[in-house]
Structure formats: C-alpha cells, structure tokens
C-alpha cells in the first residue's frame, strides 16, 4: 500500500484536506444537516432519518467524530451526537480563505 505523503504538505493543507473529508460522502453531509436542523443531540433515530443501515451510519458518525465536527455523549445504552460548535467554527475559519480563492477572468489560461 502506498504512502499518502502528507508530510510533504503544510499543516494548513493537511487540515483543509481533513475537514474536506467530512463532505466527501453524501451520508456525512446528510447527518450534519440533520444535526443542524434538529439543533439538539440525536440518539439513534438517524437510521430512519438518513435511510442507511445502522452499521453504515455508525461508520459515518465515527468519521465525523474523529474529524472533530461532532461530539458524542453516552446516555444509557446509546450514544447521543451533536455538532461540536467550537470545531465547526474552527473548520469554517480554516476553510473560508481556501474556498474564497478565485482567479480573475483575464488571468485564466483555459
């Protein structure tokens, strides 16, 4: 298996890449949108809401949690998830300058 060679890139480039990974699958986008819509923690009803298998939802929740965009708390026998507001704000701060990069029409080569 090949190396990703992330050490070749700046910390900022690696951070942007990790945050962008959150949007790399429509299920993760749907989960994030749902968490924003309900504006509270969700405990287990994502399977019905998103329409994927519990194991698939769990994988995406794990990925979002590792990326720091959501956090989870154990309540009884289930884990409840919500947006990590501090990290979401950080992600927007990191991503905004990159997403606002532009090139003028006169400078385009194609």
N, C-alpha and C. Protein backbone atom coordinates (compact mmCIF):
# COMPACT_ATOMS: atom_id res chain seq x y z
N UNK A 1 0.85 -1.18 0.00
CA UNK A 1 0.00 0.00 0.00
C UNK A 1 0.89 1.24 0.00
N UNK A 2 0.55 2.23 -0.79
CA UNK A 2 1.35 3.44 -0.92
C UNK A 2 1.17 4.37 0.26
N UNK A 3 2.14 5.24 0.43
CA UNK A 3 2.08 6.24 1.48
C UNK A 3 1.31 7.46 0.98
N UNK A 4 0.64 8.14 1.89
CA UNK A 4 -0.10 9.34 1.49
C UNK A 4 0.81 10.55 1.38
N UNK A 5 1.99 10.47 1.99
CA UNK A 5 2.99 11.54 1.93
C UNK A 5 2.45 12.86 2.43
N UNK A 6 1.60 12.81 3.44
CA UNK A 6 1.03 14.05 3.99
C UNK A 6 2.10 14.97 4.55
N UNK A 7 3.25 14.41 4.93
CA UNK A 7 4.33 15.23 5.48
C UNK A 7 4.91 16.19 4.43
N UNK A 8 4.61 15.95 3.17
CA UNK A 8 5.09 16.82 2.09
C UNK A 8 4.31 18.14 2.03
N UNK A 9 3.19 18.19 2.72
CA UNK A 9 2.29 19.33 2.61
C UNK A 9 2.28 20.12 3.91
N UNK A 10 1.84 21.35 3.83
CA UNK A 10 1.80 22.20 5.03
C UNK A 10 0.72 21.70 5.99
N UNK A 11 0.84 22.14 7.22
CA UNK A 11 -0.18 21.80 8.22
C UNK A 11 -1.55 22.30 7.78
N UNK A 12 -1.59 23.49 7.19
CA UNK A 12 -2.85 24.05 6.72
C UNK A 12 -3.44 23.20 5.60
N UNK A 13 -2.62 22.78 4.66
CA UNK A 13 -3.12 21.93 3.56
C UNK A 13 -3.66 20.61 4.10
N UNK A 14 -2.99 20.03 5.07
CA UNK A 14 -3.48 18.79 5.67
C UNK A 14 -4.77 19.02 6.45
N UNK A 15 -4.86 20.14 7.13
CA UNK A 15 -6.07 20.45 7.90
C UNK A 15 -7.26 20.67 6.97
N UNK A 16 -7.06 21.41 5.89
CA UNK A 16 -8.13 21.62 4.91
C UNK A 16 -8.58 20.28 4.34
N UNK A 17 -7.62 19.44 4.01
CA UNK A 17 -7.94 18.12 3.45
C UNK A 17 -8.77 17.28 4.41
N UNK A 18 -8.42 17.30 5.69
CA UNK A 18 -9.18 16.52 6.68
C UNK A 18 -10.60 17.04 6.82
N UNK A 19 -10.75 18.36 6.90
CA UNK A 19 -12.10 18.93 7.00
C UNK A 19 -12.91 18.61 5.75
N UNK A 20 -12.27 18.70 4.59
CA UNK A 20 -12.97 18.42 3.34
C UNK A 20 -13.46 16.98 3.29
N UNK A 21 -12.76 16.09 3.97
CA UNK A 21 -13.15 14.68 4.01
C UNK A 21 -14.56 14.52 4.60
N UNK A 22 -14.93 15.40 5.49
CA UNK A 22 -16.27 15.34 6.09
C UNK A 22 -17.36 15.47 5.03
N UNK A 23 -17.06 16.20 3.97
CA UNK A 23 -18.05 16.45 2.92
C UNK A 23 -17.86 15.51 1.73
N UNK A 24 -16.98 14.52 1.89
CA UNK A 24 -16.66 13.60 0.82
C UNK A 24 -17.68 12.49 0.62
N UNK A 25 -18.69 12.41 1.46
CA UNK A 25 -19.73 11.40 1.28
C UNK A 25 -21.08 12.05 1.61
N UNK A 26 -22.08 11.85 0.76
CA UNK A 26 -23.38 12.49 0.99
C UNK A 26 -24.04 12.07 2.30
N UNK A 27 -23.74 10.89 2.81
CA UNK A 27 -24.33 10.48 4.09
C UNK A 27 -23.82 11.36 5.22
N UNK A 28 -22.53 11.72 5.18
CA UNK A 28 -21.99 12.60 6.22
C UNK A 28 -22.58 13.99 6.11
N UNK A 29 -22.78 14.45 4.89
CA UNK A 29 -23.43 15.75 4.69
C UNK A 29 -24.86 15.70 5.25
N UNK A 30 -25.58 14.63 4.96
CA UNK A 30 -26.95 14.48 5.45
C UNK A 30 -27.00 14.44 6.98
N UNK A 31 -26.06 13.73 7.57
CA UNK A 31 -26.01 13.66 9.04
C UNK A 31 -25.77 15.04 9.63
N UNK A 32 -24.80 15.76 9.09
CA UNK A 32 -24.52 17.12 9.58
C UNK A 32 -25.74 18.03 9.41
N UNK A 33 -26.38 17.98 8.24
CA UNK A 33 -27.56 18.80 8.00
C UNK A 33 -28.67 18.46 9.01
N UNK A 34 -28.86 17.18 9.26
CA UNK A 34 -29.90 16.77 10.21
C UNK A 34 -29.59 17.28 11.62
N UNK A 35 -28.34 17.18 12.02
CA UNK A 35 -27.97 17.66 13.36
C UNK A 35 -28.19 19.17 13.48
N UNK A 36 -27.93 19.91 12.41
CA UNK A 36 -28.20 21.35 12.44
C UNK A 36 -29.70 21.63 12.47
N UNK A 37 -30.47 20.87 11.69
CA UNK A 37 -31.92 21.08 11.63
C UNK A 37 -32.60 20.85 12.98
N UNK A 38 -32.21 19.77 13.66
CA UNK A 38 -32.87 19.47 14.93
C UNK A 38 -32.31 20.31 16.07
N UNK A 39 -31.11 20.85 15.90
CA UNK A 39 -30.50 21.76 16.86
C UNK A 39 -30.45 21.18 18.28
N UNK A 40 -30.25 19.88 18.36
CA UNK A 40 -30.13 19.20 19.64
C UNK A 40 -29.37 17.90 19.41
N UNK A 41 -29.10 17.18 20.47
CA UNK A 41 -28.43 15.89 20.32
C UNK A 41 -29.40 14.86 19.76
N UNK A 42 -28.86 13.94 18.99
CA UNK A 42 -29.67 12.87 18.42
C UNK A 42 -29.17 11.55 18.98
N UNK A 43 -30.11 10.71 19.38
CA UNK A 43 -29.76 9.42 19.97
C UNK A 43 -30.45 8.31 19.20
N UNK A 44 -29.86 7.87 18.11
CA UNK A 44 -30.33 6.66 17.45
C UNK A 44 -31.38 6.78 16.37
N UNK A 45 -31.98 7.92 16.11
CA UNK A 45 -33.00 7.98 15.07
C UNK A 45 -32.44 8.35 13.70
N UNK A 46 -31.14 8.36 13.57
CA UNK A 46 -30.52 8.69 12.29
C UNK A 46 -30.76 7.61 11.23
N UNK A 47 -30.92 6.37 11.64
CA UNK A 47 -31.14 5.29 10.68
C UNK A 47 -32.43 5.56 9.90
N UNK A 48 -33.49 5.91 10.61
CA UNK A 48 -34.76 6.23 9.94
C UNK A 48 -34.64 7.50 9.13
N UNK A 49 -33.98 8.50 9.69
CA UNK A 49 -33.88 9.80 9.03
C UNK A 49 -33.05 9.73 7.75
N UNK A 50 -31.91 9.06 7.79
CA UNK A 50 -30.99 9.02 6.66
C UNK A 50 -31.33 7.87 5.71
N UNK A 51 -31.80 6.76 6.27
CA UNK A 51 -32.21 5.64 5.43
C UNK A 51 -31.11 4.64 5.11
N UNK A 52 -30.05 4.65 5.88
CA UNK A 52 -28.97 3.69 5.70
C UNK A 52 -28.94 2.73 6.87
N UNK A 53 -28.20 1.65 6.73
CA UNK A 53 -28.08 0.66 7.79
C UNK A 53 -27.39 1.27 9.01
N UNK A 54 -27.71 0.73 10.19
CA UNK A 54 -27.11 1.23 11.43
C UNK A 54 -25.59 1.18 11.38
N UNK A 55 -25.04 0.10 10.83
CA UNK A 55 -23.58 -0.02 10.77
C UNK A 55 -22.96 1.06 9.88
N UNK A 56 -23.64 1.39 8.80
CA UNK A 56 -23.15 2.44 7.90
C UNK A 56 -23.22 3.80 8.58
N UNK A 57 -24.34 4.08 9.23
CA UNK A 57 -24.49 5.33 9.98
C UNK A 57 -23.39 5.43 11.04
N UNK A 58 -23.15 4.33 11.74
CA UNK A 58 -22.13 4.32 12.79
C UNK A 58 -20.75 4.65 12.23
N UNK A 59 -20.44 4.11 11.06
CA UNK A 59 -19.14 4.40 10.43
C UNK A 59 -19.01 5.89 10.13
N UNK A 60 -20.07 6.48 9.59
CA UNK A 60 -20.02 7.90 9.25
C UNK A 60 -19.97 8.77 10.51
N UNK A 61 -20.69 8.37 11.55
CA UNK A 61 -20.64 9.11 12.81
C UNK A 61 -19.23 9.04 13.40
N UNK A 62 -18.61 7.88 13.33
CA UNK A 62 -17.25 7.72 13.83
C UNK A 62 -16.29 8.63 13.07
N UNK A 63 -16.44 8.68 11.76
CA UNK A 63 -15.58 9.54 10.94
C UNK A 63 -15.77 11.01 11.30
N UNK A 64 -17.02 11.45 11.42
CA UNK A 64 -17.30 12.84 11.77
C UNK A 64 -16.77 13.18 13.16
N UNK A 65 -16.85 12.21 14.06
CA UNK A 65 -16.33 12.44 15.41
C UNK A 65 -14.81 12.53 15.39
N UNK A 66 -14.16 11.66 14.63
CA UNK A 66 -12.69 11.72 14.52
C UNK A 66 -12.23 13.03 13.90
N UNK A 67 -13.02 13.55 12.98
CA UNK A 67 -12.69 14.83 12.36
C UNK A 67 -12.98 16.00 13.29
N UNK A 68 -13.71 15.73 14.38
CA UNK A 68 -13.99 16.75 15.38
C UNK A 68 -15.21 17.61 15.10
N UNK A 69 -15.98 17.28 14.08
CA UNK A 69 -17.14 18.11 13.74
C UNK A 69 -18.38 17.77 14.57
N UNK A 70 -18.41 16.58 15.14
CA UNK A 70 -19.49 16.23 16.05
C UNK A 70 -18.87 15.67 17.32
N UNK A 71 -19.67 15.65 18.37
CA UNK A 71 -19.23 15.02 19.60
C UNK A 71 -20.34 14.11 20.08
N UNK A 72 -19.95 13.12 20.85
CA UNK A 72 -20.92 12.15 21.32
C UNK A 72 -20.84 11.96 22.81
N UNK A 73 -22.00 11.77 23.42
CA UNK A 73 -22.10 11.51 24.84
C UNK A 73 -22.88 10.24 25.06
N UNK A 74 -22.43 9.42 25.99
CA UNK A 74 -23.14 8.18 26.29
C UNK A 74 -24.29 8.49 27.24
N UNK A 75 -25.49 8.09 26.82
CA UNK A 75 -26.69 8.25 27.64
C UNK A 75 -27.40 6.90 27.70
N UNK A 76 -27.27 6.24 28.82
CA UNK A 76 -27.86 4.91 28.95
C UNK A 76 -27.13 3.93 28.06
N UNK A 77 -27.89 3.29 27.17
CA UNK A 77 -27.29 2.31 26.27
C UNK A 77 -26.97 2.88 24.89
N UNK A 78 -27.20 4.16 24.69
CA UNK A 78 -26.94 4.74 23.37
C UNK A 78 -25.96 5.91 23.47
N UNK A 79 -25.41 6.26 22.31
CA UNK A 79 -24.54 7.42 22.21
C UNK A 79 -25.32 8.52 21.50
N UNK A 80 -25.33 9.68 22.11
CA UNK A 80 -26.05 10.81 21.53
C UNK A 80 -25.04 11.76 20.90
N UNK A 81 -25.36 12.22 19.68
CA UNK A 81 -24.42 13.05 18.92
C UNK A 81 -25.00 14.44 18.69
N UNK A 82 -24.09 15.41 18.64
CA UNK A 82 -24.46 16.77 18.28
C UNK A 82 -23.26 17.44 17.62
N UNK A 83 -23.50 18.58 17.01
CA UNK A 83 -22.44 19.36 16.37
C UNK A 83 -21.49 19.86 17.45
N UNK A 84 -20.19 19.73 17.20
CA UNK A 84 -19.20 20.34 18.08
C UNK A 84 -19.04 21.78 17.58
N UNK A 85 -19.72 22.69 18.23
CA UNK A 85 -19.82 24.08 17.77
C UNK A 85 -18.44 24.73 17.65
N UNK A 86 -17.57 24.47 18.61
CA UNK A 86 -16.24 25.08 18.59
C UNK A 86 -15.44 24.60 17.38
N UNK A 87 -15.45 23.30 17.12
CA UNK A 87 -14.70 22.77 15.99
C UNK A 87 -15.36 23.11 14.66
N UNK A 88 -16.68 23.21 14.62
CA UNK A 88 -17.37 23.63 13.40
C UNK A 88 -16.93 25.05 13.03
N UNK A 89 -16.86 25.91 14.04
CA UNK A 89 -16.43 27.29 13.82
C UNK A 89 -14.97 27.32 13.34
N UNK A 90 -14.13 26.49 13.94
CA UNK A 90 -12.73 26.40 13.51
C UNK A 90 -12.65 25.94 12.06
N UNK A 91 -13.45 24.93 11.70
CA UNK A 91 -13.44 24.42 10.34
C UNK A 91 -13.80 25.54 9.36
N UNK A 92 -14.82 26.32 9.68
CA UNK A 92 -15.22 27.41 8.80
C UNK A 92 -14.11 28.45 8.66
N UNK A 93 -13.43 28.74 9.76
CA UNK A 93 -12.32 29.70 9.74
C UNK A 93 -11.19 29.20 8.86
N UNK A 94 -10.90 27.90 8.93
CA UNK A 94 -9.83 27.31 8.12
C UNK A 94 -10.23 27.23 6.65
N UNK A 95 -11.45 26.82 6.39
CA UNK A 95 -11.90 26.57 5.01
C UNK A 95 -12.23 27.84 4.24
N UNK A 96 -12.71 28.86 4.91
CA UNK A 96 -13.20 30.05 4.22
C UNK A 96 -12.15 30.69 3.31
N UNK A 97 -10.93 30.95 3.77
CA UNK A 97 -9.94 31.56 2.85
C UNK A 97 -9.66 30.67 1.63
N UNK A 98 -9.63 29.36 1.84
CA UNK A 98 -9.39 28.46 0.72
C UNK A 98 -10.55 28.49 -0.27
N UNK A 99 -11.77 28.42 0.24
CA UNK A 99 -12.95 28.43 -0.63
C UNK A 99 -13.17 29.78 -1.30
N UNK A 100 -12.60 30.83 -0.74
CA UNK A 100 -12.74 32.15 -1.33
C UNK A 100 -11.64 32.47 -2.35
N UNK A 101 -10.72 31.53 -2.55
CA UNK A 101 -9.70 31.75 -3.59
C UNK A 101 -10.41 31.87 -4.94
N UNK A 102 -9.92 32.75 -5.76
CA UNK A 102 -10.55 32.97 -7.06
C UNK A 102 -9.47 33.41 -8.04
N UNK A 103 -9.79 33.32 -9.28
CA UNK A 103 -8.89 33.79 -10.33
C UNK A 103 -9.70 34.70 -11.24
N UNK A 104 -9.09 35.79 -11.63
CA UNK A 104 -9.84 36.72 -12.47
C UNK A 104 -10.03 36.13 -13.87
N UNK A 105 -11.05 36.58 -14.53
CA UNK A 105 -11.38 36.11 -15.87
C UNK A 105 -10.22 36.40 -16.82
N UNK A 106 -9.55 37.54 -16.64
CA UNK A 106 -8.46 37.92 -17.52
C UNK A 106 -7.24 37.00 -17.36
N UNK A 107 -7.06 36.42 -16.17
CA UNK A 107 -5.88 35.60 -15.88
C UNK A 107 -6.07 34.13 -16.18
N UNK A 108 -7.25 33.74 -16.63
CA UNK A 108 -7.49 32.31 -16.90
C UNK A 108 -6.71 31.87 -18.12
N UNK A 109 -6.24 30.64 -18.08
CA UNK A 109 -5.48 30.12 -19.23
C UNK A 109 -6.37 29.24 -20.12
N UNK A 110 -7.50 28.83 -19.66
CA UNK A 110 -8.38 27.95 -20.45
C UNK A 110 -9.74 28.59 -20.66
